[in-house]
Amino acid sequence: MLVIFIGYLALLLGFAVLMLPLLVTELSRPRDALWGAVGLLLGLMLVTSTDRFIGTPLFVVVLGVLLIIRLGWEVSQNRWQQLGHDEQSRLGSFERWITGFKQFGATLFQLVGMLGGAIKFVFRRSTSKNITKKWIRPENNQASELSDQAITNSNQELESAHEFSQQEPLKTLEGHGPQKDS
């Protein structure tokens, strides 16, 4: 029972440390996300493996948690003392917290909107039906005659090119012809 309580407390504190840069930027530091993730991992391990902590391991867990709480308290006091008087008074004001929560809500709303758009993009269904090109027959004979004439002209050009290639080989500018294979 005590391990489950400590696990939930670690989950809560880990999540609070993760949210620190978003809600209270004055108190946050660059590695807070890492320490928040460690707190979440510790909490998950404690909650999911409660049956293993009996006797001495339970005592070690409780002492470790007390040590972490003590060190966390010292770090938070140190960060508070590093703030200027203006920043300390501003953190105590109600308007600053309202503004911070509004910004956090707006950020969360944008994130949900982007995720919704991504989900719609992935699972979208095609509303337009595939339109395939259809062949249309000419209704009058004139178009048919023109197409037949174009085919005849292209056949004649192919025949004349074939006849030209079978004529005697071309001579170069110097009057020499291509060499004959022996």
N, C-alpha and C. Protein backbone atom coordinates (compact mmCIF):
# COMPACT_ATOMS: atom_id res chain seq x y z
N MET A 1 0.82 -1.20 0.00
CA MET A 1 0.00 0.00 0.00
C MET A 1 0.86 1.26 0.00
N LEU A 2 1.91 1.24 0.80
CA LEU A 2 2.81 2.39 0.89
C LEU A 2 3.56 2.58 -0.43
N VAL A 3 3.93 1.49 -1.07
CA VAL A 3 4.65 1.57 -2.34
C VAL A 3 3.76 2.17 -3.42
N ILE A 4 2.50 1.80 -3.43
CA ILE A 4 1.57 2.35 -4.42
C ILE A 4 1.41 3.85 -4.21
N PHE A 5 1.28 4.27 -2.95
CA PHE A 5 1.17 5.69 -2.64
C PHE A 5 2.42 6.45 -3.09
N ILE A 6 3.59 5.90 -2.80
CA ILE A 6 4.85 6.54 -3.21
C ILE A 6 4.95 6.57 -4.74
N GLY A 7 4.50 5.51 -5.40
CA GLY A 7 4.53 5.47 -6.87
C GLY A 7 3.65 6.55 -7.48
N TYR A 8 2.43 6.70 -6.93
CA TYR A 8 1.56 7.76 -7.45
C TYR A 8 2.12 9.14 -7.15
N LEU A 9 2.75 9.32 -6.02
CA LEU A 9 3.38 10.59 -5.69
C LEU A 9 4.53 10.88 -6.65
N ALA A 10 5.32 9.86 -6.99
CA ALA A 10 6.41 10.03 -7.95
C ALA A 10 5.87 10.36 -9.33
N LEU A 11 4.78 9.74 -9.72
CA LEU A 11 4.15 10.07 -11.01
C LEU A 11 3.70 11.52 -11.05
N LEU A 12 3.08 11.96 -9.96
CA LEU A 12 2.60 13.34 -9.88
C LEU A 12 3.75 14.33 -9.92
N LEU A 13 4.79 14.07 -9.15
CA LEU A 13 5.94 14.98 -9.14
C LEU A 13 6.68 14.96 -10.47
N GLY A 14 6.82 13.80 -11.09
CA GLY A 14 7.47 13.72 -12.40
C GLY A 14 6.71 14.50 -13.46
N PHE A 15 5.39 14.40 -13.42
CA PHE A 15 4.58 15.17 -14.37
C PHE A 15 4.68 16.66 -14.09
N ALA A 16 4.72 17.04 -12.82
CA ALA A 16 4.86 18.46 -12.46
C ALA A 16 6.20 19.01 -12.94
N VAL A 17 7.26 18.23 -12.81
CA VAL A 17 8.57 18.69 -13.28
C VAL A 17 8.58 18.78 -14.81
N LEU A 18 7.87 17.90 -15.49
CA LEU A 18 7.77 17.99 -16.95
C LEU A 18 7.02 19.24 -17.38
N MET A 19 6.01 19.64 -16.63
CA MET A 19 5.21 20.81 -16.97
C MET A 19 5.84 22.12 -16.51
N LEU A 20 6.91 22.05 -15.73
CA LEU A 20 7.55 23.24 -15.19
C LEU A 20 7.98 24.24 -16.26
N PRO A 21 8.62 23.82 -17.36
CA PRO A 21 8.99 24.81 -18.38
C PRO A 21 7.79 25.46 -19.07
N LEU A 22 6.66 24.79 -19.08
CA LEU A 22 5.48 25.37 -19.73
C LEU A 22 4.73 26.33 -18.81
N LEU A 23 4.68 26.02 -17.53
CA LEU A 23 3.88 26.81 -16.62
C LEU A 23 4.69 27.87 -15.87
N VAL A 24 5.87 27.52 -15.40
CA VAL A 24 6.69 28.45 -14.61
C VAL A 24 8.08 28.49 -15.23
N THR A 25 8.21 29.26 -16.29
CA THR A 25 9.48 29.30 -17.02
C THR A 25 10.60 29.93 -16.20
N GLU A 26 10.26 30.74 -15.22
CA GLU A 26 11.30 31.38 -14.41
C GLU A 26 12.05 30.38 -13.54
N LEU A 27 11.38 29.33 -13.13
CA LEU A 27 11.99 28.33 -12.24
C LEU A 27 12.57 27.13 -12.99
N SER A 28 12.33 27.02 -14.27
CA SER A 28 12.75 25.82 -15.00
C SER A 28 14.21 25.93 -15.43
N ARG A 29 14.80 24.77 -15.64
CA ARG A 29 16.18 24.66 -16.11
C ARG A 29 16.20 23.72 -17.31
N PRO A 30 17.29 23.71 -18.06
CA PRO A 30 17.33 22.91 -19.30
C PRO A 30 17.12 21.41 -19.12
N ARG A 31 17.56 20.81 -18.01
CA ARG A 31 17.46 19.35 -17.86
C ARG A 31 16.22 18.91 -17.08
N ASP A 32 15.26 19.79 -16.92
CA ASP A 32 14.06 19.43 -16.16
C ASP A 32 13.25 18.33 -16.84
N ALA A 33 13.25 18.31 -18.16
CA ALA A 33 12.50 17.27 -18.86
C ALA A 33 13.08 15.89 -18.57
N LEU A 34 14.39 15.80 -18.50
CA LEU A 34 15.03 14.53 -18.19
C LEU A 34 14.67 14.06 -16.78
N TRP A 35 14.72 14.97 -15.81
CA TRP A 35 14.41 14.59 -14.43
C TRP A 35 12.93 14.29 -14.25
N GLY A 36 12.08 14.97 -15.00
CA GLY A 36 10.65 14.63 -14.97
C GLY A 36 10.39 13.24 -15.52
N ALA A 37 11.10 12.89 -16.60
CA ALA A 37 10.95 11.55 -17.17
C ALA A 37 11.46 10.48 -16.19
N VAL A 38 12.54 10.78 -15.47
CA VAL A 38 13.05 9.83 -14.47
C VAL A 38 12.01 9.64 -13.36
N GLY A 39 11.38 10.73 -12.92
CA GLY A 39 10.34 10.63 -11.90
C GLY A 39 9.15 9.81 -12.36
N LEU A 40 8.75 10.01 -13.62
CA LEU A 40 7.65 9.21 -14.18
C LEU A 40 8.02 7.73 -14.27
N LEU A 41 9.24 7.46 -14.67
CA LEU A 41 9.69 6.07 -14.76
C LEU A 41 9.73 5.41 -13.39
N LEU A 42 10.22 6.15 -12.39
CA LEU A 42 10.25 5.61 -11.03
C LEU A 42 8.83 5.32 -10.54
N GLY A 43 7.92 6.24 -10.77
CA GLY A 43 6.54 6.04 -10.36
C GLY A 43 5.91 4.83 -11.03
N LEU A 44 6.13 4.69 -12.33
CA LEU A 44 5.57 3.53 -13.05
C LEU A 44 6.14 2.22 -12.53
N MET A 45 7.43 2.22 -12.25
CA MET A 45 8.04 0.99 -11.72
C MET A 45 7.48 0.64 -10.35
N LEU A 46 7.28 1.66 -9.52
CA LEU A 46 6.75 1.38 -8.18
C LEU A 46 5.30 0.91 -8.22
N VAL A 47 4.51 1.50 -9.08
CA VAL A 47 3.09 1.14 -9.15
C VAL A 47 2.90 -0.25 -9.75
N THR A 48 3.68 -0.57 -10.77
CA THR A 48 3.46 -1.84 -11.46
C THR A 48 4.08 -3.05 -10.76
N SER A 49 5.05 -2.82 -9.87
CA SER A 49 5.68 -3.97 -9.21
C SER A 49 5.56 -3.86 -7.69
N THR A 50 4.36 -3.63 -7.21
CA THR A 50 4.14 -3.47 -5.77
C THR A 50 4.33 -4.76 -5.00
N ASP A 51 4.08 -5.89 -5.62
CA ASP A 51 4.17 -7.16 -4.91
C ASP A 51 5.61 -7.58 -4.59
N ARG A 52 6.59 -6.95 -5.21
CA ARG A 52 7.98 -7.31 -4.99
C ARG A 52 8.60 -6.59 -3.80
N PHE A 53 7.99 -5.51 -3.36
CA PHE A 53 8.57 -4.71 -2.29
C PHE A 53 7.96 -5.12 -0.94
N ILE A 54 8.62 -6.06 -0.28
CA ILE A 54 8.19 -6.54 1.03
C ILE A 54 9.43 -6.57 1.93
N GLY A 55 9.34 -6.05 3.11
CA GLY A 55 10.44 -6.10 4.07
C GLY A 55 11.52 -5.09 3.76
N THR A 56 12.74 -5.56 3.59
CA THR A 56 13.90 -4.68 3.39
C THR A 56 13.80 -3.86 2.10
N PRO A 57 13.39 -4.43 0.96
CA PRO A 57 13.25 -3.58 -0.23
C PRO A 57 12.27 -2.43 -0.02
N LEU A 58 11.20 -2.66 0.73
CA LEU A 58 10.25 -1.58 1.02
C LEU A 58 10.93 -0.49 1.83
N PHE A 59 11.74 -0.87 2.79
CA PHE A 59 12.47 0.09 3.61
C PHE A 59 13.44 0.91 2.76
N VAL A 60 14.11 0.26 1.81
CA VAL A 60 15.04 0.96 0.92
C VAL A 60 14.28 1.93 0.01
N VAL A 61 13.15 1.53 -0.47
CA VAL A 61 12.35 2.41 -1.32
C VAL A 61 11.90 3.64 -0.55
N VAL A 62 11.43 3.46 0.66
CA VAL A 62 10.97 4.59 1.48
C VAL A 62 12.13 5.54 1.77
N LEU A 63 13.29 5.02 2.11
CA LEU A 63 14.45 5.88 2.37
C LEU A 63 14.88 6.62 1.11
N GLY A 64 14.85 5.94 -0.04
CA GLY A 64 15.19 6.59 -1.31
C GLY A 64 14.22 7.72 -1.64
N VAL A 65 12.96 7.50 -1.40
CA VAL A 65 11.97 8.54 -1.67
C VAL A 65 12.17 9.73 -0.74
N LEU A 66 12.46 9.47 0.53
CA LEU A 66 12.73 10.56 1.47
C LEU A 66 13.96 11.37 1.04
N LEU A 67 14.98 10.68 0.56
CA LEU A 67 16.17 11.36 0.07
C LEU A 67 15.85 12.23 -1.16
N ILE A 68 15.07 11.67 -2.08
CA ILE A 68 14.68 12.44 -3.28
C ILE A 68 13.85 13.66 -2.91
N ILE A 69 12.95 13.52 -1.97
CA ILE A 69 12.12 14.66 -1.53
C ILE A 69 13.00 15.74 -0.91
N ARG A 70 13.94 15.34 -0.07
CA ARG A 70 14.83 16.31 0.57
C ARG A 70 15.67 17.05 -0.46
N LEU A 71 16.26 16.34 -1.41
CA LEU A 71 17.06 16.98 -2.45
C LEU A 71 16.20 17.88 -3.35
N GLY A 72 14.99 17.43 -3.67
CA GLY A 72 14.07 18.25 -4.47
C GLY A 72 13.70 19.54 -3.76
N TRP A 73 13.53 19.48 -2.44
CA TRP A 73 13.21 20.68 -1.66
C TRP A 73 14.37 21.67 -1.70
N GLU A 74 15.60 21.17 -1.56
CA GLU A 74 16.77 22.05 -1.61
C GLU A 74 16.93 22.69 -2.98
N VAL A 75 16.72 21.93 -4.03
CA VAL A 75 16.83 22.48 -5.39
C VAL A 75 15.78 23.55 -5.62
N SER A 76 14.56 23.30 -5.19
CA SER A 76 13.50 24.30 -5.40
C SER A 76 13.78 25.57 -4.59
N GLN A 77 14.30 25.45 -3.38
CA GLN A 77 14.66 26.65 -2.60
C GLN A 77 15.79 27.41 -3.27
N ASN A 78 16.78 26.69 -3.79
CA ASN A 78 17.89 27.34 -4.47
C ASN A 78 17.40 28.10 -5.70
N ARG A 79 16.51 27.51 -6.47
CA ARG A 79 15.98 28.19 -7.65
C ARG A 79 15.16 29.42 -7.25
N TRP A 80 14.41 29.31 -6.17
CA TRP A 80 13.60 30.45 -5.72
C TRP A 80 14.50 31.60 -5.28
N GLN A 81 15.60 31.30 -4.62
CA GLN A 81 16.51 32.35 -4.15
C GLN A 81 17.27 33.00 -5.30
N GLN A 82 17.43 32.31 -6.40
CA GLN A 82 18.12 32.89 -7.54
C GLN A 82 17.25 33.88 -8.31
N LEU A 83 15.95 33.86 -8.09
CA LEU A 83 15.05 34.81 -8.74
C LEU A 83 15.20 36.19 -8.12
N GLY A 84 14.97 37.20 -8.95
CA GLY A 84 14.98 38.57 -8.45
C GLY A 84 13.68 38.85 -7.69
N HIS A 85 13.67 40.00 -6.97
CA HIS A 85 12.48 40.36 -6.19
C HIS A 85 11.28 40.57 -7.11
N ASP A 86 11.50 41.17 -8.28
CA ASP A 86 10.39 41.40 -9.23
C ASP A 86 9.79 40.07 -9.71
N GLU A 87 10.66 39.12 -10.02
CA GLU A 87 10.16 37.83 -10.50
C GLU A 87 9.43 37.06 -9.40
N GLN A 88 9.91 37.18 -8.16
CA GLN A 88 9.24 36.50 -7.05
C GLN A 88 7.85 37.08 -6.81
N SER A 89 7.74 38.40 -6.88
CA SER A 89 6.42 39.02 -6.67
C SER A 89 5.48 38.72 -7.84
N ARG A 90 6.03 38.66 -9.04
CA ARG A 90 5.20 38.35 -10.20
C ARG A 90 4.68 36.91 -10.14
N LEU A 91 5.49 35.97 -9.65
CA LEU A 91 5.03 34.59 -9.52
C LEU A 91 3.92 34.46 -8.49
N GLY A 92 3.88 35.36 -7.53
CA GLY A 92 2.83 35.32 -6.52
C GLY A 92 1.53 35.96 -6.96
N SER A 93 1.53 36.63 -8.13
CA SER A 93 0.32 37.32 -8.58
C SER A 93 -0.64 36.35 -9.27
N PHE A 94 -1.92 36.63 -9.10
CA PHE A 94 -2.98 35.79 -9.67
C PHE A 94 -3.03 35.95 -11.19
N GLU A 95 -2.76 37.16 -11.69
CA GLU A 95 -2.86 37.42 -13.13
C GLU A 95 -1.81 36.65 -13.92
N ARG A 96 -0.63 36.50 -13.34
CA ARG A 96 0.43 35.76 -14.02
C ARG A 96 0.03 34.30 -14.19
N TRP A 97 -0.60 33.70 -13.18
CA TRP A 97 -1.01 32.31 -13.28
C TRP A 97 -2.16 32.13 -14.27
N ILE A 98 -3.08 33.10 -14.30
CA ILE A 98 -4.18 33.03 -15.27
C ILE A 98 -3.61 33.10 -16.69
N THR A 99 -2.66 34.02 -16.91
CA THR A 99 -2.04 34.15 -18.23
C THR A 99 -1.29 32.87 -18.60
N GLY A 100 -0.56 32.30 -17.65
CA GLY A 100 0.18 31.06 -17.91
C GLY A 100 -0.73 29.91 -18.27
N PHE A 101 -1.85 29.76 -17.55
CA PHE A 101 -2.78 28.67 -17.85
C PHE A 101 -3.50 28.90 -19.18
N LYS A 102 -3.78 30.16 -19.53
CA LYS A 102 -4.39 30.45 -20.83
C LYS A 102 -3.44 30.07 -21.96
N GLN A 103 -2.15 30.42 -21.80
CA GLN A 103 -1.18 30.07 -22.83
C GLN A 103 -1.01 28.55 -22.93
N PHE A 104 -1.01 27.88 -21.79
CA PHE A 104 -0.91 26.42 -21.79
C PHE A 104 -2.12 25.79 -22.47
N GLY A 105 -3.31 26.31 -22.19
CA GLY A 105 -4.52 25.80 -22.82
C GLY A 105 -4.52 26.04 -24.33
N ALA A 106 -4.05 27.24 -24.74
CA ALA A 106 -3.99 27.53 -26.17
C ALA A 106 -3.00 26.59 -26.87
N THR A 107 -1.89 26.32 -26.22
CA THR A 107 -0.90 25.40 -26.79
C THR A 107 -1.47 24.00 -26.89
N LEU A 108 -2.16 23.56 -25.86
CA LEU A 108 -2.79 22.24 -25.86
C LEU A 108 -3.85 22.15 -26.95
N PHE A 109 -4.64 23.22 -27.12
CA PHE A 109 -5.68 23.26 -28.14
C PHE A 109 -5.07 23.16 -29.53
N GLN A 110 -3.95 23.86 -29.77
CA GLN A 110 -3.28 23.78 -31.06
C GLN A 110 -2.72 22.38 -31.31
N LEU A 111 -2.18 21.77 -30.27
CA LEU A 111 -1.66 20.41 -30.40
C LEU A 111 -2.75 19.43 -30.76
N VAL A 112 -3.90 19.54 -30.09
CA VAL A 112 -5.02 18.65 -30.39
C VAL A 112 -5.52 18.88 -31.81
N GLY A 113 -5.55 20.15 -32.25
CA GLY A 113 -5.97 20.46 -33.61
C GLY A 113 -5.03 19.87 -34.65
N MET A 114 -3.72 19.95 -34.38
CA MET A 114 -2.76 19.38 -35.32
C MET A 114 -2.85 17.86 -35.35
N LEU A 115 -3.04 17.24 -34.19
CA LEU A 115 -3.21 15.79 -34.17
C LEU A 115 -4.48 15.36 -34.89
N GLY A 116 -5.56 16.13 -34.71
CA GLY A 116 -6.81 15.84 -35.41
C GLY A 116 -6.64 15.96 -36.92
N GLY A 117 -5.91 16.99 -37.36
CA GLY A 117 -5.65 17.15 -38.79
C GLY A 117 -4.81 16.02 -39.34
N ALA A 118 -3.83 15.56 -38.56
CA ALA A 118 -3.00 14.44 -39.01
C ALA A 118 -3.82 13.16 -39.10
N ILE A 119 -4.70 12.96 -38.14
CA ILE A 119 -5.55 11.76 -38.17
C ILE A 119 -6.51 11.81 -39.35
N LYS A 120 -7.07 12.98 -39.62
CA LYS A 120 -7.96 13.11 -40.78
C LYS A 120 -7.20 12.87 -42.08
N PHE A 121 -5.95 13.35 -42.14
CA PHE A 121 -5.14 13.17 -43.35
C PHE A 121 -4.85 11.69 -43.57
N VAL A 122 -4.54 10.97 -42.51
CA VAL A 122 -4.20 9.56 -42.64
C VAL A 122 -5.42 8.73 -43.02
N PHE A 123 -6.57 9.02 -42.41
CA PHE A 123 -7.76 8.20 -42.62
C PHE A 123 -8.77 8.84 -43.57
N ARG A 124 -8.33 9.74 -44.39
CA ARG A 124 -9.28 10.39 -45.31
C ARG A 124 -9.72 9.42 -46.39
N ARG A 125 -10.93 9.63 -46.82
CA ARG A 125 -11.48 8.81 -47.90
C ARG A 125 -11.62 9.67 -49.13
N SER A 126 -11.40 9.07 -50.24
CA SER A 126 -11.49 9.80 -51.49
C SER A 126 -12.96 10.06 -51.82
N THR A 127 -13.32 11.35 -51.90
CA THR A 127 -14.71 11.69 -52.22
C THR A 127 -14.93 11.71 -53.72
N SER A 128 -13.89 12.03 -54.46
CA SER A 128 -14.06 12.06 -55.91
C SER A 128 -13.81 10.66 -56.46
N LYS A 129 -14.61 10.27 -57.40
CA LYS A 129 -14.43 8.97 -58.02
C LYS A 129 -13.39 9.08 -59.12
N ASN A 130 -12.69 8.02 -59.33
CA ASN A 130 -11.66 8.02 -60.36
C ASN A 130 -12.31 8.19 -61.72
N ILE A 131 -11.87 9.21 -62.41
CA ILE A 131 -12.39 9.48 -63.75
C ILE A 131 -11.36 8.95 -64.73
N THR A 132 -11.77 8.06 -65.57
CA THR A 132 -10.87 7.52 -66.57
C THR A 132 -11.17 8.15 -67.91
N LYS A 133 -10.16 8.20 -68.72
CA LYS A 133 -10.33 8.80 -70.04
C LYS A 133 -11.11 7.84 -70.92
N LYS A 134 -12.10 8.36 -71.58
CA LYS A 134 -12.92 7.54 -72.46
C LYS A 134 -12.61 7.92 -73.91
N TRP A 135 -12.53 6.89 -74.75
CA TRP A 135 -12.29 7.14 -76.16
C TRP A 135 -13.61 7.51 -76.83
N ILE A 136 -13.54 8.52 -77.64
CA ILE A 136 -14.73 9.00 -78.34
C ILE A 136 -14.52 8.77 -79.83
N ARG A 137 -15.48 8.14 -80.45
CA ARG A 137 -15.38 7.89 -81.88
C ARG A 137 -15.81 9.14 -82.63
N PRO A 138 -15.11 9.42 -83.73
CA PRO A 138 -15.53 10.59 -84.53
C PRO A 138 -16.89 10.32 -85.17
N GLU A 139 -17.73 11.33 -85.13
CA GLU A 139 -19.08 11.16 -85.65
C GLU A 139 -19.15 11.39 -87.15
N ASN A 140 -18.23 12.17 -87.65
CA ASN A 140 -18.31 12.40 -89.10
C ASN A 140 -17.16 11.68 -89.81
N ASN A 141 -17.29 11.47 -91.07
CA ASN A 141 -16.31 10.74 -91.88
C ASN A 141 -15.07 11.56 -92.15
N GLN A 142 -15.19 12.89 -92.07
CA GLN A 142 -14.05 13.76 -92.37
C GLN A 142 -12.93 13.52 -91.35
N ALA A 143 -13.26 13.40 -90.08
CA ALA A 143 -12.24 13.16 -89.07
C ALA A 143 -11.61 11.80 -89.28
N SER A 144 -12.39 10.83 -89.68
CA SER A 144 -11.87 9.50 -89.94
C SER A 144 -10.91 9.50 -91.12
N GLU A 145 -11.26 10.25 -92.17
CA GLU A 145 -10.40 10.34 -93.34
C GLU A 145 -9.09 11.02 -92.99
N LEU A 146 -9.13 12.05 -92.16
CA LEU A 146 -7.91 12.74 -91.77
C LEU A 146 -6.98 11.82 -90.98
N SER A 147 -7.53 11.03 -90.10
CA SER A 147 -6.68 10.11 -89.32
C SER A 147 -6.09 9.03 -90.22
N ASP A 148 -6.86 8.52 -91.19
CA ASP A 148 -6.34 7.52 -92.13
C ASP A 148 -5.22 8.11 -92.97
N GLN A 149 -5.39 9.38 -93.39
CA GLN A 149 -4.37 10.04 -94.20
C GLN A 149 -3.09 10.23 -93.40
N ALA A 150 -3.21 10.56 -92.10
CA ALA A 150 -2.02 10.73 -91.26
C ALA A 150 -1.28 9.41 -91.10
N ILE A 151 -2.00 8.33 -90.98
CA ILE A 151 -1.36 7.01 -90.86
C ILE A 151 -0.65 6.66 -92.16
N THR A 152 -1.27 6.94 -93.29
CA THR A 152 -0.66 6.64 -94.59
C THR A 152 0.61 7.45 -94.78
N ASN A 153 0.57 8.74 -94.42
CA ASN A 153 1.74 9.60 -94.57
C ASN A 153 2.89 9.10 -93.71
N SER A 154 2.60 8.68 -92.49
CA SER A 154 3.67 8.21 -91.61
C SER A 154 4.27 6.90 -92.13
N ASN A 155 3.43 6.03 -92.74
CA ASN A 155 3.95 4.78 -93.33
C ASN A 155 4.85 5.07 -94.52
N GLN A 156 4.47 6.06 -95.33
CA GLN A 156 5.29 6.42 -96.50
C GLN A 156 6.63 6.98 -96.05
N GLU A 157 6.64 7.77 -95.00
CA GLU A 157 7.90 8.34 -94.51
C GLU A 157 8.81 7.24 -93.98
N LEU A 158 8.24 6.24 -93.33
CA LEU A 158 9.05 5.13 -92.83
C LEU A 158 9.66 4.34 -93.99
N GLU A 159 8.88 4.11 -95.03
CA GLU A 159 9.39 3.37 -96.19
C GLU A 159 10.49 4.14 -96.88
N SER A 160 10.34 5.45 -97.04
CA SER A 160 11.37 6.24 -97.72
C SER A 160 12.65 6.28 -96.88
N ALA A 161 12.53 6.32 -95.57
CA ALA A 161 13.72 6.31 -94.72
C ALA A 161 14.42 4.97 -94.81
N HIS A 162 13.67 3.88 -94.93
CA HIS A 162 14.26 2.55 -95.06
C HIS A 162 15.00 2.42 -96.39
N GLU A 163 14.40 2.93 -97.45
CA GLU A 163 15.03 2.89 -98.77
C GLU A 163 16.31 3.71 -98.77
N PHE A 164 16.31 4.87 -98.10
CA PHE A 164 17.48 5.75 -98.06
C PHE A 164 18.63 5.08 -97.32
N SER A 165 18.31 4.33 -96.25
CA SER A 165 19.36 3.68 -95.48
C SER A 165 19.99 2.51 -96.24
N GLN A 166 19.27 1.94 -97.20
CA GLN A 166 19.82 0.81 -97.95
C GLN A 166 20.58 1.26 -99.20
N GLN A 167 20.57 2.55 -99.48
CA GLN A 167 21.35 3.06 -100.61
C GLN A 167 22.82 2.94 -100.28
N GLU A 168 23.64 3.33 -101.25
CA GLU A 168 25.09 3.20 -101.06
C GLU A 168 25.54 4.10 -99.91
N PRO A 169 26.53 3.65 -99.16
CA PRO A 169 26.98 4.39 -97.99
C PRO A 169 27.46 5.79 -98.36
N LEU A 170 27.27 6.71 -97.46
CA LEU A 170 27.66 8.10 -97.68
C LEU A 170 29.17 8.24 -97.62
N LYS A 171 29.65 9.18 -98.39
CA LYS A 171 31.08 9.44 -98.37
C LYS A 171 31.33 10.66 -97.50
N THR A 172 32.49 10.66 -96.87
CA THR A 172 32.83 11.79 -96.02
C THR A 172 33.26 12.96 -96.87
N LEU A 173 33.55 14.07 -96.28
CA LEU A 173 33.94 15.27 -97.02
C LEU A 173 35.24 15.07 -97.78
N GLU A 174 36.08 14.21 -97.32
CA GLU A 174 37.36 13.98 -97.98
C GLU A 174 37.24 12.96 -99.11
N GLY A 175 36.05 12.40 -99.30
CA GLY A 175 35.84 11.46 -100.36
C GLY A 175 36.07 10.02 -99.99
N HIS A 176 36.29 9.74 -98.74
CA HIS A 176 36.50 8.37 -98.31
C HIS A 176 35.16 7.78 -97.86
N GLY A 177 34.96 6.55 -98.15
CA GLY A 177 33.77 5.84 -97.73
C GLY A 177 34.05 5.05 -96.47
N PRO A 178 33.05 4.47 -95.89
CA PRO A 178 33.30 3.66 -94.70
C PRO A 178 34.07 2.39 -95.05
N GLN A 179 34.85 1.93 -94.08
CA GLN A 179 35.66 0.74 -94.32
C GLN A 179 34.76 -0.49 -94.39
N LYS A 180 35.15 -1.40 -95.25
CA LYS A 180 34.38 -2.62 -95.40
C LYS A 180 34.99 -3.68 -94.49
N ASP A 181 34.11 -4.45 -93.91
CA ASP A 181 34.57 -5.52 -93.04
C ASP A 181 35.20 -6.62 -93.89
N SER A 182 36.24 -7.23 -93.39
CA SER A 182 36.87 -8.29 -94.16
C SER A 182 36.51 -9.63 -93.60
